[in-house]
Protein backbone atom coordinates (compact mmCIF):
# COMPACT_ATOMS: atom_id res chain seq x y z
CA MET A 1 0.00 0.00 0.00
CA ARG A 2 1.30 3.45 -0.93
CA ARG A 3 0.86 6.12 1.72
CA SER A 4 -0.43 8.51 -0.93
CA ASP A 5 -3.30 6.09 -1.62
CA ALA A 6 -4.01 4.97 1.95
CA PHE A 7 -6.79 6.30 4.15
CA LEU A 8 -4.78 6.71 7.36
CA PRO A 9 -6.41 9.41 9.50
CA THR A 10 -3.64 9.62 12.11
CA SER A 11 -3.31 12.67 14.32
CA ARG A 12 -0.63 14.35 16.40
CA GLU A 13 -3.27 15.50 18.87
CA THR A 14 -5.34 13.52 21.35
CA ARG A 15 -8.48 12.26 19.70
CA GLY A 16 -11.68 10.76 21.07
CA SER A 17 -12.69 10.17 24.67
CA GLY A 18 -12.46 7.45 27.27
CA SER A 19 -9.38 5.59 28.45
CA ALA A 20 -5.85 6.42 27.33
CA THR A 21 -5.79 3.28 25.16
CA THR A 22 -9.05 4.15 23.44
CA LYS A 23 -7.71 7.64 22.71
CA LEU A 24 -4.48 6.14 21.36
CA LEU A 25 -6.34 3.80 19.00
CA ALA A 26 -8.37 6.79 17.79
CA ARG A 27 -5.28 9.01 17.40
CA ALA A 28 -3.56 6.26 15.43
CA GLY A 29 -6.55 6.34 13.08
CA LEU A 30 -7.64 2.74 13.74
CA ILE A 31 -11.10 3.39 15.20
CA ARG A 32 -13.71 6.13 15.34
CA GLY A 33 -16.65 6.41 17.70
CA PHE A 34 -20.20 6.36 16.34
CA GLY A 35 -21.82 7.25 19.66
CA SER A 36 -21.81 5.53 23.03
CA GLY A 37 -20.75 1.89 22.64
CA LEU A 38 -20.43 1.95 18.84
CA TRP A 39 -17.10 1.89 17.02
CA ALA A 40 -16.03 1.86 13.39
CA PHE A 41 -12.75 0.37 12.21
CA THR A 42 -10.82 2.25 9.53
CA PRO A 43 -8.91 0.27 6.87
CA ALA A 44 -5.83 0.07 9.12
CA GLY A 45 -7.92 -0.85 12.16
CA HIS A 46 -9.79 -3.42 10.11
CA ARG A 47 -6.49 -5.01 9.12
CA VAL A 48 -5.46 -5.34 12.78
CA ARG A 49 -8.79 -6.93 13.65
CA GLU A 50 -8.60 -9.26 10.65
CA HIS A 51 -5.10 -10.34 11.68
CA VAL A 52 -6.41 -11.27 15.14
CA THR A 53 -9.31 -13.08 13.49
CA ALA A 54 -6.92 -14.97 11.18
CA CYS A 55 -5.02 -16.32 14.18
CA VAL A 56 -8.25 -17.35 15.91
CA ARG A 57 -9.80 -18.88 12.81
CA GLY A 58 -6.66 -20.81 11.89
CA THR A 59 -6.31 -22.29 15.37
CA MET A 60 -9.99 -23.25 15.65
CA THR A 61 -9.91 -24.91 12.24
CA GLY A 62 -6.72 -26.66 13.29
CA ILE A 63 -8.46 -28.42 16.20
CA GLY A 64 -11.26 -29.68 13.98
CA ALA A 65 -13.89 -26.98 14.55
CA GLN A 66 -16.21 -26.31 11.61
CA GLU A 67 -17.19 -22.73 10.82
CA VAL A 68 -20.87 -21.76 10.59
CA SER A 69 -22.81 -18.51 10.31
CA LEU A 70 -25.87 -17.93 12.46
CA PRO A 71 -28.23 -14.95 12.12
CA GLY A 72 -27.76 -12.17 14.63
CA LEU A 73 -31.40 -11.20 14.21
CA GLN A 74 -33.61 -13.81 15.89
CA TYR A 75 -37.22 -14.40 16.89
CA ALA A 76 -38.15 -14.59 20.57
CA GLU A 77 -39.55 -18.15 20.46
CA ARG A 78 -36.32 -20.06 21.04
CA TRP A 79 -35.16 -17.55 23.67
CA ARG A 80 -38.39 -18.02 25.58
CA GLU A 81 -37.93 -21.78 25.40
CA SER A 82 -34.48 -21.49 26.97
CA GLY A 83 -35.72 -19.04 29.59
CA ARG A 84 -33.17 -16.39 28.69
CA TRP A 85 -35.60 -13.94 27.12
CA ALA A 86 -36.35 -12.81 30.67
CA SER A 87 -32.88 -13.28 32.20
CA PHE A 88 -31.19 -11.17 29.52
CA GLU A 89 -33.81 -8.43 29.88
CA GLY A 90 -32.09 -5.08 30.20
CA GLU A 91 -29.02 -6.19 28.24
CA MET A 92 -30.60 -7.53 25.05
CA PHE A 93 -31.88 -5.39 22.20
CA THR A 94 -35.52 -6.43 21.75
CA PHE A 95 -38.26 -5.05 19.52
CA GLU A 96 -41.28 -5.99 17.44
CA ASN A 97 -41.20 -6.29 13.68
CA ARG A 98 -43.90 -4.93 11.39
CA ASP A 99 -45.99 -8.06 12.00
CA GLY A 100 -45.93 -7.57 15.77
CA GLN A 101 -43.51 -10.47 16.34
CA ALA A 102 -40.98 -10.13 19.15
CA MET A 103 -37.37 -10.23 17.96
CA CYS A 104 -33.89 -9.60 19.33
CA LEU A 105 -30.30 -8.99 18.33
CA ALA A 106 -28.49 -11.99 19.75
CA PRO A 107 -25.96 -11.33 22.55
CA SER A 108 -24.83 -14.98 22.25
CA HIS A 109 -25.88 -17.99 20.18
CA GLU A 110 -26.60 -20.96 22.43
CA GLU A 111 -30.24 -20.83 21.34
CA GLY A 112 -29.19 -20.37 17.73
CA VAL A 113 -26.90 -23.39 17.67
CA VAL A 114 -29.60 -25.58 19.25
CA HIS A 115 -31.99 -24.46 16.50
CA LEU A 116 -29.33 -25.18 13.85
CA LEU A 117 -28.65 -28.72 15.07
CA ASP A 118 -32.00 -29.85 16.53
CA GLY A 119 -33.41 -32.61 14.32
CA LEU A 120 -30.28 -32.71 12.14
CA VAL A 121 -27.95 -34.15 14.75
CA ARG A 122 -29.80 -37.29 15.84
CA SER A 123 -27.44 -39.78 17.47
CA TYR A 124 -24.03 -40.47 18.95
CA ASP A 125 -22.81 -41.28 15.40
CA ASP A 126 -23.08 -37.56 14.61
CA LEU A 127 -21.16 -36.53 17.72
CA PRO A 128 -19.03 -35.02 19.11
CA LEU A 129 -19.53 -31.89 17.03
CA LEU A 130 -17.66 -28.59 17.42
CA VAL A 131 -18.78 -25.55 15.43
CA TYR A 132 -17.76 -21.90 15.63
CA GLN A 133 -18.37 -18.53 14.05
CA VAL A 134 -16.75 -15.10 14.04
CA ASP A 135 -19.45 -12.47 13.95
CA ALA A 136 -21.02 -9.43 15.58
CA LYS A 137 -22.78 -9.66 18.93
CA PHE A 138 -25.10 -7.05 20.43
CA ARG A 139 -25.67 -6.12 24.06
CA ASP A 140 -27.53 -3.10 25.41
CA ASP A 141 -24.90 -2.83 28.12
CA ARG A 142 -23.57 0.27 29.83
CA ALA A 143 -20.82 1.19 27.38
CA ARG A 144 -17.37 1.94 28.79
CA ASP A 145 -13.69 1.71 27.96
CA GLY A 146 -13.92 1.76 24.19
CA LEU A 147 -13.80 -1.70 22.61
CA ILE A 148 -13.81 -3.46 25.98
CA ARG A 149 -17.52 -3.02 26.65
CA ALA A 150 -19.40 -1.95 23.54
CA LYS A 151 -22.97 -2.40 22.37
CA GLU A 152 -21.84 -4.09 19.15
CA PHE A 153 -18.65 -6.13 19.09
CA ARG A 154 -16.93 -8.90 17.19
CA MET A 155 -16.60 -12.23 18.95
CA LYS A 156 -15.53 -15.76 18.16
CA ASP A 157 -18.11 -18.10 19.70
CA ALA A 158 -17.95 -21.89 19.53
CA TYR A 159 -20.30 -24.66 20.64
CA SER A 160 -19.82 -28.37 21.15
CA VAL A 161 -22.40 -31.14 21.50
CA HIS A 162 -21.88 -34.57 23.09
CA THR A 163 -23.58 -37.69 24.40
CA THR A 164 -21.11 -38.33 27.26
CA GLN A 165 -19.42 -36.19 29.87
CA GLU A 166 -16.09 -37.77 28.96
CA SER A 167 -16.46 -36.51 25.40
CA LEU A 168 -17.44 -33.04 26.59
CA ASP A 169 -14.46 -32.87 28.96
CA GLU A 170 -12.07 -33.82 26.15
CA THR A 171 -13.37 -31.15 23.79
CA TYR A 172 -13.55 -28.55 26.58
CA GLN A 173 -9.85 -29.14 27.32
CA ARG A 174 -8.98 -29.07 23.62
CA VAL A 175 -10.62 -25.67 23.14
CA ARG A 176 -9.14 -24.38 26.41
CA ASP A 177 -5.68 -25.39 25.18
CA ALA A 178 -6.39 -23.74 21.81
CA TYR A 179 -7.29 -20.49 23.58
CA GLU A 180 -3.97 -20.57 25.40
CA ARG A 181 -2.14 -21.04 22.09
CA ILE A 182 -4.10 -18.20 20.46
CA LEU A 183 -3.36 -15.72 23.24
CA THR A 184 0.31 -16.77 23.34
CA ASP A 185 0.60 -16.50 19.54
CA LEU A 186 -0.88 -13.00 19.69
CA GLY A 187 1.55 -11.95 22.44
CA LEU A 188 -1.13 -11.35 25.08
CA ASP A 189 -0.31 -11.85 28.77
CA TYR A 190 -3.20 -13.64 30.52
CA ALA A 191 -4.31 -15.78 33.46
CA VAL A 192 -6.93 -18.55 33.60
CA CYS A 193 -9.46 -18.08 36.39
CA ALA A 194 -12.36 -20.12 37.73
CA ALA A 195 -15.58 -18.19 37.09
CA GLU A 196 -19.33 -18.13 37.60
CA ASN A 197 -21.64 -19.23 34.79
CA SER A 198 -24.15 -16.41 35.46
CA VAL A 199 -26.87 -16.09 32.80
CA MET A 200 -25.13 -18.68 30.62
CA GLY A 201 -26.04 -21.49 33.01
CA GLY A 202 -24.30 -24.85 33.32
CA ALA A 203 -21.94 -26.56 35.73
CA ARG A 204 -18.54 -24.82 35.46
CA SER A 205 -16.65 -22.17 33.58
CA GLU A 206 -13.24 -20.54 33.32
CA GLU A 207 -12.32 -17.11 32.06
CA PHE A 208 -9.15 -15.83 30.44
CA VAL A 209 -8.23 -12.52 32.06
CA ALA A 210 -5.47 -10.20 30.83
CA PRO A 211 -3.55 -8.22 33.49
CA VAL A 212 -3.59 -4.51 32.65
CA ALA A 213 -2.85 -1.23 34.40
CA GLU A 214 -6.45 -0.13 34.00
CA GLY A 215 -9.36 -2.57 33.71
CA GLY A 216 -12.81 -3.45 34.98
CA ASP A 217 -11.83 -6.43 37.17
CA ARG A 218 -9.37 -7.00 39.99
CA LEU A 219 -7.04 -9.90 39.33
CA LYS A 220 -4.48 -11.86 41.32
CA CYS A 221 -2.22 -13.86 39.05
CA CYS A 222 0.96 -15.91 39.18
CA PRO A 223 4.04 -14.43 37.47
CA ASP A 224 5.32 -17.91 36.55
CA CYS A 225 2.24 -19.82 35.43
CA ARG A 226 -1.23 -18.98 34.16
CA PHE A 227 -3.15 -19.36 37.43
CA GLY A 228 -5.39 -16.45 38.38
CA VAL A 229 -8.36 -15.49 40.52
CA THR A 230 -10.64 -12.48 40.12
CA ASP A 231 -12.52 -10.45 42.70
CA GLU A 232 -15.76 -12.08 41.54
CA HIS A 233 -14.58 -15.37 43.07
CA ASP A 234 -15.04 -16.23 46.75
CA ASP A 235 -11.35 -17.14 47.12
CA PHE A 236 -10.05 -13.73 46.00
CA ARG A 237 -9.32 -12.30 49.44
CA ALA A 238 -7.76 -15.49 50.75
CA SER A 239 -5.58 -16.14 47.69
CA GLU A 240 -1.99 -15.03 48.28
CA THR A 241 0.11 -17.81 46.75
CA CYS A 242 -0.24 -19.87 43.58
CA PRO A 243 -1.63 -23.35 44.32
CA ASP A 244 0.26 -24.74 41.34
CA CYS A 245 3.81 -23.45 41.93
CA GLY A 246 3.77 -21.69 45.32
CA ARG A 247 4.82 -18.26 44.02
CA SER A 248 3.28 -15.13 45.50
CA LEU A 249 0.41 -13.76 43.46
CA ARG A 250 0.53 -10.21 42.15
CA GLU A 251 -2.58 -8.08 42.23
CA THR A 252 -3.55 -5.87 39.31
CA ASP A 253 -6.49 -4.79 37.20
CA GLY A 254 -7.74 -7.24 34.60
CA VAL A 255 -9.81 -7.50 31.42
CA GLU A 256 -11.69 -10.65 30.48
CA VAL A 257 -10.88 -11.64 26.89
CA GLY A 258 -12.27 -15.18 26.76
CA HIS A 259 -14.57 -17.61 28.56
CA VAL A 260 -15.29 -21.35 28.33
CA PHE A 261 -18.47 -22.93 29.72
CA ASP A 262 -19.53 -26.49 30.51
CA LEU A 263 -23.26 -26.05 29.96
CA GLY A 264 -24.34 -29.62 30.68
CA THR A 265 -27.98 -30.06 29.67
CA ARG A 266 -28.97 -26.49 30.55
CA TYR A 267 -30.19 -25.68 27.02
CA SER A 268 -31.07 -29.12 25.72
CA ASP A 269 -33.40 -29.76 28.68
CA ALA A 270 -35.18 -26.44 28.24
CA MET A 271 -35.36 -26.67 24.44
CA GLU A 272 -35.92 -30.46 24.18
CA PHE A 273 -32.76 -31.05 22.15
CA THR A 274 -32.20 -34.82 22.35
CA VAL A 275 -29.94 -37.40 20.71
CA ASP A 276 -29.70 -41.19 20.83
CA ASP A 277 -26.73 -42.51 22.80
CA ALA A 278 -24.69 -45.66 22.06
CA ASP A 279 -27.31 -47.81 23.85
CA GLY A 280 -30.10 -46.42 21.69
CA GLU A 281 -31.52 -44.42 24.57
CA GLU A 282 -32.82 -40.91 23.90
CA ARG A 283 -31.15 -38.36 26.13
CA ALA A 284 -30.68 -34.62 26.42
CA ALA A 285 -27.55 -33.54 24.55
CA LEU A 286 -24.60 -32.29 26.59
CA MET A 287 -23.26 -28.91 25.47
CA ALA A 288 -20.40 -26.51 26.03
CA SER A 289 -19.78 -23.01 24.68
CA TYR A 290 -16.59 -21.04 24.20
CA GLY A 291 -16.26 -17.28 23.66
CA LEU A 292 -13.28 -15.13 22.65
CA GLY A 293 -13.59 -11.36 22.31
CA ILE A 294 -11.87 -10.25 19.09
CA ASP A 295 -12.35 -6.52 19.67
CA ARG A 296 -11.39 -6.86 23.33
CA ILE A 297 -8.16 -8.57 22.30
CA VAL A 298 -7.31 -5.70 19.92
CA GLN A 299 -7.64 -3.07 22.65
CA THR A 300 -6.01 -5.23 25.33
CA LEU A 301 -2.97 -5.89 23.15
CA ALA A 302 -2.69 -2.14 22.65
CA ARG A 303 -3.03 -1.53 26.41
CA GLN A 304 -0.41 -4.10 27.40
CA HIS A 305 2.24 -3.13 24.85
CA ALA A 306 1.91 0.56 23.89
CA ASP A 307 4.75 2.93 24.76
CA GLU A 308 5.36 6.68 24.68
CA ASP A 309 5.71 6.64 20.87
CA GLY A 310 2.42 4.89 20.17
CA LEU A 311 1.11 1.40 19.56
CA ARG A 312 3.54 -1.49 19.76
CA TRP A 313 2.09 -4.75 18.52
CA PRO A 314 4.08 -7.77 19.78
CA VAL A 315 5.99 -9.97 17.36
CA THR A 316 5.80 -13.70 18.13
CA ASP A 317 6.57 -16.96 16.32
CA TRP A 318 3.07 -16.71 14.84
CA GLY A 319 3.61 -13.22 13.44
CA CYS A 320 2.24 -9.78 14.27
CA VAL A 321 -1.22 -8.18 14.12
CA ALA A 322 0.06 -4.72 13.12
CA PRO A 323 -1.79 -3.12 10.18
CA TYR A 324 1.39 -3.38 8.09
CA HIS A 325 4.36 -5.53 8.95
CA ALA A 326 6.91 -3.06 7.57
CA ALA A 327 7.11 0.58 6.54
CA ILE A 328 9.35 1.54 3.62
CA VAL A 329 10.79 4.97 4.39
CA PRO A 330 12.72 6.54 1.51
CA ILE A 331 14.86 9.56 2.35
CA GLY A 332 14.57 11.60 -0.79
CA TYR A 333 12.01 9.85 -2.96
CA ASP A 334 13.68 10.21 -6.35
CA GLY A 335 16.22 8.57 -8.65
CA ASP A 336 17.78 5.31 -7.48
CA VAL A 337 16.18 5.61 -4.02
CA LYS A 338 12.71 5.81 -5.56
CA ALA A 339 13.41 2.87 -7.85
CA ALA A 340 14.68 0.73 -4.94
CA ALA A 341 11.78 1.69 -2.64
CA ASP A 342 9.23 0.93 -5.36
CA ALA A 343 10.86 -2.43 -6.12
CA ILE A 344 10.82 -3.45 -2.43
CA HIS A 345 7.17 -2.39 -2.15
CA ASP A 346 6.22 -4.42 -5.20
CA ALA A 347 8.10 -7.51 -3.94
CA CYS A 348 6.50 -7.51 -0.48
CA GLY A 349 2.91 -7.89 0.61
CA GLY A 350 1.45 -6.08 3.58
CA VAL A 351 3.89 -3.17 3.63
CA LEU A 352 3.36 0.59 3.64
CA LEU A 353 5.45 2.75 1.28
CA TYR A 354 5.87 6.34 2.40
CA ASP A 355 5.72 8.01 -1.00
CA ASP A 356 3.75 11.12 0.01
CA PRO A 357 5.95 14.21 -0.54
CA GLY A 358 3.79 16.14 1.94
CA GLN A 359 5.29 14.21 4.87
CA SER A 360 8.75 14.91 6.24
CA VAL A 361 11.08 12.04 7.10
CA GLY A 362 10.47 12.72 10.78
CA GLU A 363 6.72 12.58 10.29
CA ARG A 364 7.07 9.27 8.46
CA PHE A 365 9.07 7.75 11.30
CA ALA A 366 6.67 9.12 13.93
CA GLU A 367 3.57 7.85 12.13
CA SER A 368 5.07 4.40 11.64
CA ASP A 369 5.75 4.21 15.38
CA LEU A 370 2.28 5.53 16.22
CA LEU A 371 0.70 2.78 14.11
CA GLY A 372 2.91 0.17 15.78
CA ILE A 373 4.44 -1.06 12.51
CA PRO A 374 7.14 -3.48 13.73
CA ALA A 375 9.84 -2.71 11.14
CA LYS A 376 11.08 0.14 8.97
CA ILE A 377 13.03 -0.30 5.76
CA VAL A 378 15.06 2.89 5.35
CA VAL A 379 16.24 3.66 1.82
CA GLY A 380 18.50 6.71 1.87
CA ASN A 381 22.14 7.78 1.97
CA HIS A 382 23.32 4.36 3.14
CA TYR A 383 21.70 2.83 0.07
CA ARG A 384 23.25 5.48 -2.19
CA ASP A 385 26.72 4.72 -0.77
CA THR A 386 26.55 0.92 -0.41
CA GLY A 387 23.54 -0.38 -2.36
CA ARG A 388 22.12 -1.78 0.90
CA VAL A 389 19.07 -0.69 2.87
CA GLU A 390 18.65 -0.43 6.65
CA LEU A 391 16.11 -2.48 8.62
CA GLU A 392 15.13 -0.96 11.95
CA THR A 393 12.66 -2.71 14.24
CA ARG A 394 10.13 -1.00 16.49
CA ASP A 395 12.31 -2.14 19.41
CA GLY A 396 15.36 -0.33 18.02
CA ASP A 397 17.38 -3.22 16.56
CA GLN A 398 19.15 -2.36 13.32
CA ARG A 399 20.89 -4.18 10.49
CA ASP A 400 21.58 -3.57 6.82
CA LEU A 401 20.76 -5.90 3.96
CA ALA A 402 20.46 -6.12 0.22
CA PRO A 403 17.11 -4.96 -1.20
CA ALA A 404 16.50 -8.46 -2.62
CA ASP A 405 16.69 -9.91 0.91
CA VAL A 406 13.97 -7.67 2.37
CA PRO A 407 10.96 -9.96 1.65
CA ASP A 408 12.55 -12.83 3.59
CA ALA A 409 13.84 -10.53 6.35
CA ILE A 410 10.41 -9.10 7.15
CA GLU A 411 8.62 -12.45 6.98
CA GLU A 412 8.80 -12.77 10.77
CA PHE A 413 6.68 -9.63 11.10
CA GLY A 414 3.95 -10.80 8.76
CA ALA A 415 3.69 -14.61 8.78
CA GLY A 416 0.29 -15.61 10.02
CA THR A 417 -1.37 -12.35 9.00
CA LEU A 418 -3.58 -11.68 6.00
CA GLU A 419 -0.55 -12.10 3.75
CA GLY A 420 0.69 -15.22 5.58
CA ALA A 421 -0.56 -18.75 6.09
CA ALA A 422 -3.10 -18.31 8.87
CA GLU A 423 -3.61 -22.01 9.49
CA GLU A 424 0.09 -22.75 9.99
CA SER A 425 0.97 -23.41 13.63
CA SER A 426 3.72 -21.54 15.46
CA ALA A 427 5.80 -24.72 15.59
CA GLU A 428 5.41 -25.31 11.85
CA ARG A 429 6.46 -21.73 11.17
CA ALA A 430 9.51 -22.06 13.40
CA VAL A 431 10.59 -25.22 11.54
CA ARG A 432 10.03 -23.59 8.15
CA ARG A 433 12.21 -20.61 9.09
CA THR A 434 15.17 -22.88 9.89
CA ARG A 435 15.15 -24.50 6.48
């Protein structure tokens, strides 16, 4: 992408309202508010969100989950069957259509997945089944903290169906492990905490909570392992050491980014969703659900890693969620420098070429840092003297290299993103890079 063609509404001044991270995302031109609890993503912001989604989608597909798409607009009938039409009252957008029928915008899709599968999944031969989607959810919640608690937000939600508790436990652990890999691949620090099921119902649940300087929860977490406990749990006050490794817990604010639920027969009992087990007996299906907040992850990554110069998206073995994985910064965009910068741009995907003569070199460097682009390719006097360009990372590491080597050199900043192989695992990528 050429800077002269890109819609990048960055600003030197503070923009927007809310927390410092929300203002930073707005100043970097990634999001713009549309009123309380509503946010638009600009092209650069959309790329960041799509990179997060690519990591999530690739990992879910990798554990055998099948992607579906369920309508966000739903009739009240199934929600009344489950009993949640009343329990979600006050947080769910409800209305009547022109025919006087009660409808809602779904805040989650347990009812929807039961409707999808009921009568189509009939016996243990069809199970276990794990499906997921990445889509918008809607909650008429009290909006706060930008993307953390919005009225419309993107979420990855998954649902599994089983005939035995053993099967449910195996899939629950498989998805839980996948969530840990996703958050690690994205570079997010997190703890896993026992949690209440609340309006979701069911027997047990765990939430994935990211430690942050400013968040809506209080969290005690272990610095060595992933154990954590939040102030919503009865053990919060008494918890001082990690039960797994014995280290002292540190207390901080936290943001929930994911949740896994063992639902048991909560929904199948209420909605008469039955299957035949291996003995030919009809029984209520066992279910679990698994949520991961895509938009919450975007803002939490920004909150955990930003510095005084702007956003700073982490680089891991999976890749990086930055809007562009390198910025090409020519110093004097003419002659041989222009030809080299253009050639590098054309040879690489997912890079931003600063070709706009209205920006000074200093402004180009500052904007690249504000956006959190993890690498700069500087084409200037060093190239004129030696024929080699300079690669400078967001962390300050520098090296020079031949222009032809740039595509391979910046692969670590982009593999796994829109331009990379999203379904490749971190381990597979690490092996490939050693070849």
